[in-house]
Amino acid sequence: MSTTTSSERRQTLLRAADEFLLATVLVFLAVTVVRWLRDPASPLYIADLRRALTAIGTISGAVLTGLILSPPGRRSGGHTNPAVTVGLWLMDAFPGRRVLPYVIAQLAGSLIGTALARLTWGDVVSLPSVAYAAIRPAPAWRPDSVFLAETAGMFALTLLIGLFVARPRLMRLMPYAIGAAVALVIAVFGPLSGGSVNPARQLGPALLSDRTTDLAIYLLAPILGAALGAAVHHLLVRRIQPYGQPA
């Protein structure tokens, strides 16, 4: 039994290491994309915020799909997001013993990915126009509205993930659906609430840019959205499951 436990711990650490790598790459590329598209001195600069966020969302969705399909993503599940990890656990699709190692790895990857972007691109990522790609809401948006939007965004994303959890035959389509959904969230909610729905996406950029005023919202609201989405998922599965068959 001790051998089995040791093997499980080793597998958990290996998969958490995969998540660390995925989160590091995700945040590094997020900062890199914003560095090139939002720095006025860049040849790729997009002045209009909505157009810029549409482009950022499209690229981010493609990057996320690629990370999920990559070898580390296939091994770990390609969560890259603490809220996704929590949501899958609450949907009984992920072992509880791996939740904390995954979340720690994802948040650590956020910090390292941001730091690597600074080392790679230099002072330009600290300029106000880039600000380490830290997400912030529109000036007119109150904290309660931002919290509601971030919760709702992750709630919808969790229900989408639950669709694939309940129908394994569709699982091969999930990376593309998740990438498209994240791209849509960024394009639609980016100019308003910021469109994060991922605590790991915001932690490193917010800390290094010292834009921590709304950080608690971006860390906690997606977790709440995932929990609510998982609860509704269970209700829906029970309603559509034929009598006598396990959910």
Protein backbone atom coordinates (compact mmCIF):
# COMPACT_ATOMS: atom_id res chain seq x y z
CA MET A 1 0.00 0.00 0.00
CA SER A 2 2.89 2.37 0.78
CA THR A 3 4.26 1.69 -2.71
CA THR A 4 0.91 2.66 -4.23
CA THR A 5 0.78 5.83 -2.14
CA SER A 6 4.34 6.74 -3.11
CA SER A 7 3.51 6.19 -6.77
CA GLU A 8 0.38 8.35 -6.50
CA ARG A 9 2.35 11.15 -4.87
CA ARG A 10 4.98 10.98 -7.57
CA GLN A 11 2.33 11.13 -10.29
CA THR A 12 0.67 14.08 -8.58
CA LEU A 13 3.96 15.98 -8.41
CA LEU A 14 4.76 15.19 -12.04
CA ARG A 15 1.37 16.36 -13.23
CA ALA A 16 1.61 19.48 -11.03
CA ALA A 17 4.99 20.16 -12.66
CA ASP A 18 3.25 19.97 -16.04
CA GLU A 19 0.70 22.51 -14.82
CA PHE A 20 3.50 24.78 -13.61
CA LEU A 21 5.07 24.65 -17.07
CA LEU A 22 1.75 25.29 -18.82
CA ALA A 23 0.87 28.25 -16.59
CA THR A 24 4.36 29.70 -17.02
CA VAL A 25 4.09 29.55 -20.81
CA LEU A 26 0.50 30.86 -20.76
CA VAL A 27 1.33 33.96 -18.73
CA PHE A 28 4.65 34.58 -20.49
CA LEU A 29 2.86 34.60 -23.84
CA ALA A 30 0.02 36.72 -22.45
CA VAL A 31 2.50 39.41 -21.37
CA THR A 32 4.35 39.06 -24.67
CA VAL A 33 1.20 39.55 -26.76
CA VAL A 34 0.17 42.63 -24.77
CA ARG A 35 3.73 43.96 -24.99
CA TRP A 36 3.59 43.91 -28.81
CA LEU A 37 -0.02 44.95 -29.31
CA ARG A 38 -0.38 47.66 -26.65
CA ASP A 39 2.99 49.40 -26.57
CA PRO A 40 2.61 52.56 -28.72
CA ALA A 41 6.21 52.18 -29.90
CA SER A 42 5.57 48.67 -31.23
CA PRO A 43 5.12 48.17 -34.99
CA LEU A 44 2.15 45.91 -34.15
CA TYR A 45 0.45 48.45 -31.88
CA ILE A 46 -3.37 48.50 -31.99
CA ALA A 47 -4.66 51.80 -30.62
CA ASP A 48 -8.33 50.90 -30.32
CA LEU A 49 -8.85 48.95 -27.09
CA ARG A 50 -11.72 46.81 -28.35
CA ARG A 51 -9.86 45.80 -31.49
CA ALA A 52 -6.75 45.10 -29.44
CA LEU A 53 -8.67 42.89 -27.00
CA THR A 54 -10.33 41.03 -29.86
CA ALA A 55 -6.88 40.26 -31.25
CA ILE A 56 -5.53 39.39 -27.79
CA GLY A 57 -8.51 37.14 -27.15
CA THR A 58 -8.09 35.33 -30.47
CA ILE A 59 -4.39 34.74 -29.86
CA SER A 60 -4.97 33.73 -26.23
CA GLY A 61 -7.65 31.22 -27.22
CA ALA A 62 -5.34 29.67 -29.81
CA VAL A 63 -2.49 29.52 -27.29
CA LEU A 64 -4.72 27.86 -24.71
CA THR A 65 -5.92 25.27 -27.21
CA GLY A 66 -2.33 24.52 -28.15
CA LEU A 67 -1.31 24.14 -24.50
CA ILE A 68 -4.17 21.73 -23.79
CA LEU A 69 -3.15 19.64 -26.81
CA SER A 70 0.57 19.72 -25.97
CA PRO A 71 2.24 16.71 -24.29
CA PRO A 72 2.23 18.37 -20.82
CA GLY A 73 -1.39 19.38 -21.37
CA ARG A 74 -2.41 15.86 -22.33
CA ARG A 75 -0.65 14.46 -19.26
CA SER A 76 -2.06 16.91 -16.70
CA GLY A 77 -5.38 17.68 -18.35
CA GLY A 78 -4.25 21.17 -19.38
CA HIS A 79 -6.12 23.08 -16.68
CA THR A 80 -3.78 26.14 -16.43
CA ASN A 81 -6.48 27.68 -14.24
CA PRO A 82 -7.17 27.09 -10.52
CA ALA A 83 -10.89 27.64 -11.10
CA VAL A 84 -10.95 24.89 -13.74
CA THR A 85 -9.18 22.54 -11.34
CA VAL A 86 -11.66 23.30 -8.55
CA GLY A 87 -14.61 23.00 -10.92
CA LEU A 88 -13.51 19.60 -12.23
CA TRP A 89 -13.00 18.37 -8.67
CA LEU A 90 -16.49 19.54 -7.67
CA MET A 91 -17.89 17.79 -10.75
CA ASP A 92 -16.25 14.55 -9.51
CA ALA A 93 -14.02 14.53 -12.59
CA PHE A 94 -10.71 15.20 -10.83
CA PRO A 95 -9.17 13.70 -7.66
CA GLY A 96 -9.25 15.96 -4.62
CA ARG A 97 -5.71 15.06 -3.57
CA ARG A 98 -4.36 16.80 -6.67
CA VAL A 99 -6.27 20.07 -6.29
CA LEU A 100 -3.86 21.88 -3.97
CA PRO A 101 -0.66 20.83 -5.80
CA TYR A 102 -2.22 21.90 -9.11
CA VAL A 103 -3.36 25.28 -7.77
CA ILE A 104 0.02 26.01 -6.17
CA ALA A 105 1.79 25.05 -9.40
CA GLN A 106 -0.49 27.22 -11.54
CA LEU A 107 -0.06 30.29 -9.31
CA ALA A 108 3.70 29.77 -9.13
CA GLY A 109 3.78 29.49 -12.92
CA SER A 110 1.97 32.83 -13.13
CA LEU A 111 4.71 34.52 -11.12
CA ILE A 112 7.55 32.88 -13.04
CA GLY A 113 5.95 33.50 -16.43
CA THR A 114 5.57 37.20 -15.64
CA ALA A 115 9.15 37.44 -14.39
CA LEU A 116 10.46 35.69 -17.51
CA ALA A 117 8.57 38.16 -19.70
CA ARG A 118 10.26 41.01 -17.85
CA LEU A 119 13.68 39.39 -18.32
CA THR A 120 12.96 38.81 -22.01
CA TRP A 121 11.42 42.15 -23.00
CA GLY A 122 12.93 44.48 -20.42
CA ASP A 123 11.46 47.69 -19.04
CA VAL A 124 8.85 47.99 -21.79
CA VAL A 125 6.57 45.51 -20.00
CA SER A 126 6.47 47.81 -16.95
CA LEU A 127 5.24 50.81 -18.95
CA PRO A 128 1.69 51.93 -18.04
CA SER A 129 0.43 50.93 -21.50
CA VAL A 130 1.56 47.33 -20.93
CA ALA A 131 1.77 47.02 -17.13
CA TYR A 132 2.82 43.35 -17.26
CA ALA A 133 -0.52 42.63 -18.99
CA ALA A 134 -2.31 43.07 -15.67
CA ILE A 135 -6.06 42.97 -16.14
CA ARG A 136 -8.13 45.90 -14.97
CA PRO A 137 -11.79 46.87 -15.32
CA ALA A 138 -13.15 49.88 -17.15
CA PRO A 139 -13.15 52.99 -14.93
CA ALA A 140 -16.95 53.04 -14.83
CA TRP A 141 -17.20 49.47 -13.55
CA ARG A 142 -17.73 49.08 -9.81
CA PRO A 143 -16.09 46.21 -7.89
CA ASP A 144 -19.42 44.42 -7.39
CA SER A 145 -20.09 44.51 -11.15
CA VAL A 146 -16.61 43.15 -11.86
CA PHE A 147 -17.12 40.36 -9.31
CA LEU A 148 -20.45 39.44 -10.90
CA ALA A 149 -19.00 39.43 -14.42
CA GLU A 150 -15.99 37.30 -13.45
CA THR A 151 -18.24 34.88 -11.57
CA ALA A 152 -20.66 34.63 -14.49
CA GLY A 153 -17.87 34.11 -17.02
CA MET A 154 -16.38 31.21 -15.09
CA PHE A 155 -19.84 29.83 -14.37
CA ALA A 156 -20.53 29.60 -18.11
CA LEU A 157 -17.09 28.14 -18.81
CA THR A 158 -17.60 25.49 -16.12
CA LEU A 159 -20.94 24.48 -17.63
CA LEU A 160 -19.21 24.15 -21.00
CA ILE A 161 -16.52 21.93 -19.48
CA GLY A 162 -19.25 19.93 -17.75
CA LEU A 163 -20.84 19.25 -21.12
CA PHE A 164 -17.70 17.38 -22.18
CA VAL A 165 -17.34 15.69 -18.79
CA ALA A 166 -20.86 14.27 -19.18
CA ARG A 167 -20.24 13.23 -22.80
CA PRO A 168 -16.76 11.69 -23.10
CA ARG A 169 -17.28 10.90 -26.78
CA LEU A 170 -17.07 14.66 -27.44
CA MET A 171 -13.88 15.11 -25.41
CA ARG A 172 -11.66 15.50 -28.47
CA LEU A 173 -13.48 18.75 -29.25
CA MET A 174 -12.99 20.25 -25.79
CA PRO A 175 -9.63 22.01 -26.37
CA TYR A 176 -11.06 23.91 -29.31
CA ALA A 177 -14.30 24.77 -27.50
CA ILE A 178 -12.44 26.00 -24.42
CA GLY A 179 -10.05 28.08 -26.52
CA ALA A 180 -12.94 29.65 -28.42
CA ALA A 181 -14.85 30.34 -25.20
CA VAL A 182 -11.87 32.06 -23.56
CA ALA A 183 -11.30 34.13 -26.70
CA LEU A 184 -14.95 35.23 -26.57
CA VAL A 185 -14.75 36.12 -22.87
CA ILE A 186 -11.69 38.30 -23.46
CA ALA A 187 -13.19 40.02 -26.50
CA VAL A 188 -16.57 40.69 -24.84
CA PHE A 189 -15.69 41.26 -21.19
CA GLY A 190 -12.13 42.56 -21.67
CA PRO A 191 -13.16 46.20 -22.27
CA LEU A 192 -15.61 45.99 -19.33
CA SER A 193 -14.62 43.79 -16.38
CA GLY A 194 -11.21 42.77 -17.74
CA GLY A 195 -12.24 39.27 -18.83
CA SER A 196 -9.81 37.20 -16.77
CA VAL A 197 -11.78 34.20 -15.36
CA ASN A 198 -8.40 32.73 -14.39
CA PRO A 199 -6.69 33.56 -11.07
CA ALA A 200 -3.35 32.36 -12.47
CA ARG A 201 -3.65 34.73 -15.42
CA GLN A 202 -3.89 37.72 -13.08
CA LEU A 203 -1.74 36.93 -10.02
CA GLY A 204 1.76 37.42 -11.44
CA PRO A 205 0.96 40.45 -13.62
CA ALA A 206 -0.96 42.18 -10.81
CA LEU A 207 1.78 41.67 -8.23
CA LEU A 208 4.67 42.72 -10.46
CA SER A 209 2.80 45.77 -11.77
CA ASP A 210 1.54 46.64 -8.26
CA ARG A 211 -2.03 46.78 -9.54
CA THR A 212 -3.55 44.81 -6.70
CA THR A 213 -6.63 46.93 -5.93
CA ASP A 214 -9.04 44.42 -7.50
CA LEU A 215 -6.78 41.36 -7.21
CA ALA A 216 -9.01 39.62 -4.63
CA ILE A 217 -11.92 39.82 -7.08
CA TYR A 218 -9.94 38.20 -9.89
CA LEU A 219 -8.71 35.48 -7.54
CA LEU A 220 -11.99 34.62 -5.79
CA ALA A 221 -14.79 35.31 -8.30
CA PRO A 222 -13.69 32.60 -10.79
CA ILE A 223 -13.56 30.05 -7.96
CA LEU A 224 -17.11 30.95 -6.95
CA GLY A 225 -18.21 30.75 -10.58
CA ALA A 226 -16.65 27.29 -10.89
CA ALA A 227 -18.40 26.11 -7.72
CA LEU A 228 -21.78 27.39 -8.91
CA GLY A 229 -21.23 25.88 -12.35
CA ALA A 230 -20.36 22.51 -10.84
CA ALA A 231 -23.50 22.59 -8.69
CA VAL A 232 -25.70 23.31 -11.71
CA HIS A 233 -23.83 20.63 -13.68
CA HIS A 234 -24.80 18.02 -11.09
CA LEU A 235 -28.44 19.12 -11.26
CA LEU A 236 -28.48 18.91 -15.04
CA VAL A 237 -26.79 15.50 -15.10
CA ARG A 238 -29.34 14.11 -12.65
CA ARG A 239 -32.23 15.42 -14.75
CA ILE A 240 -31.03 13.99 -18.08
CA GLN A 241 -29.63 10.70 -16.71
CA PRO A 242 -31.94 7.76 -17.51
CA TYR A 243 -33.45 6.11 -14.46
CA GLY A 244 -31.33 3.30 -13.10
CA GLN A 245 -28.07 4.46 -14.69
CA PRO A 246 -25.28 6.02 -12.61
CA ALA A 247 -24.59 9.72 -13.22
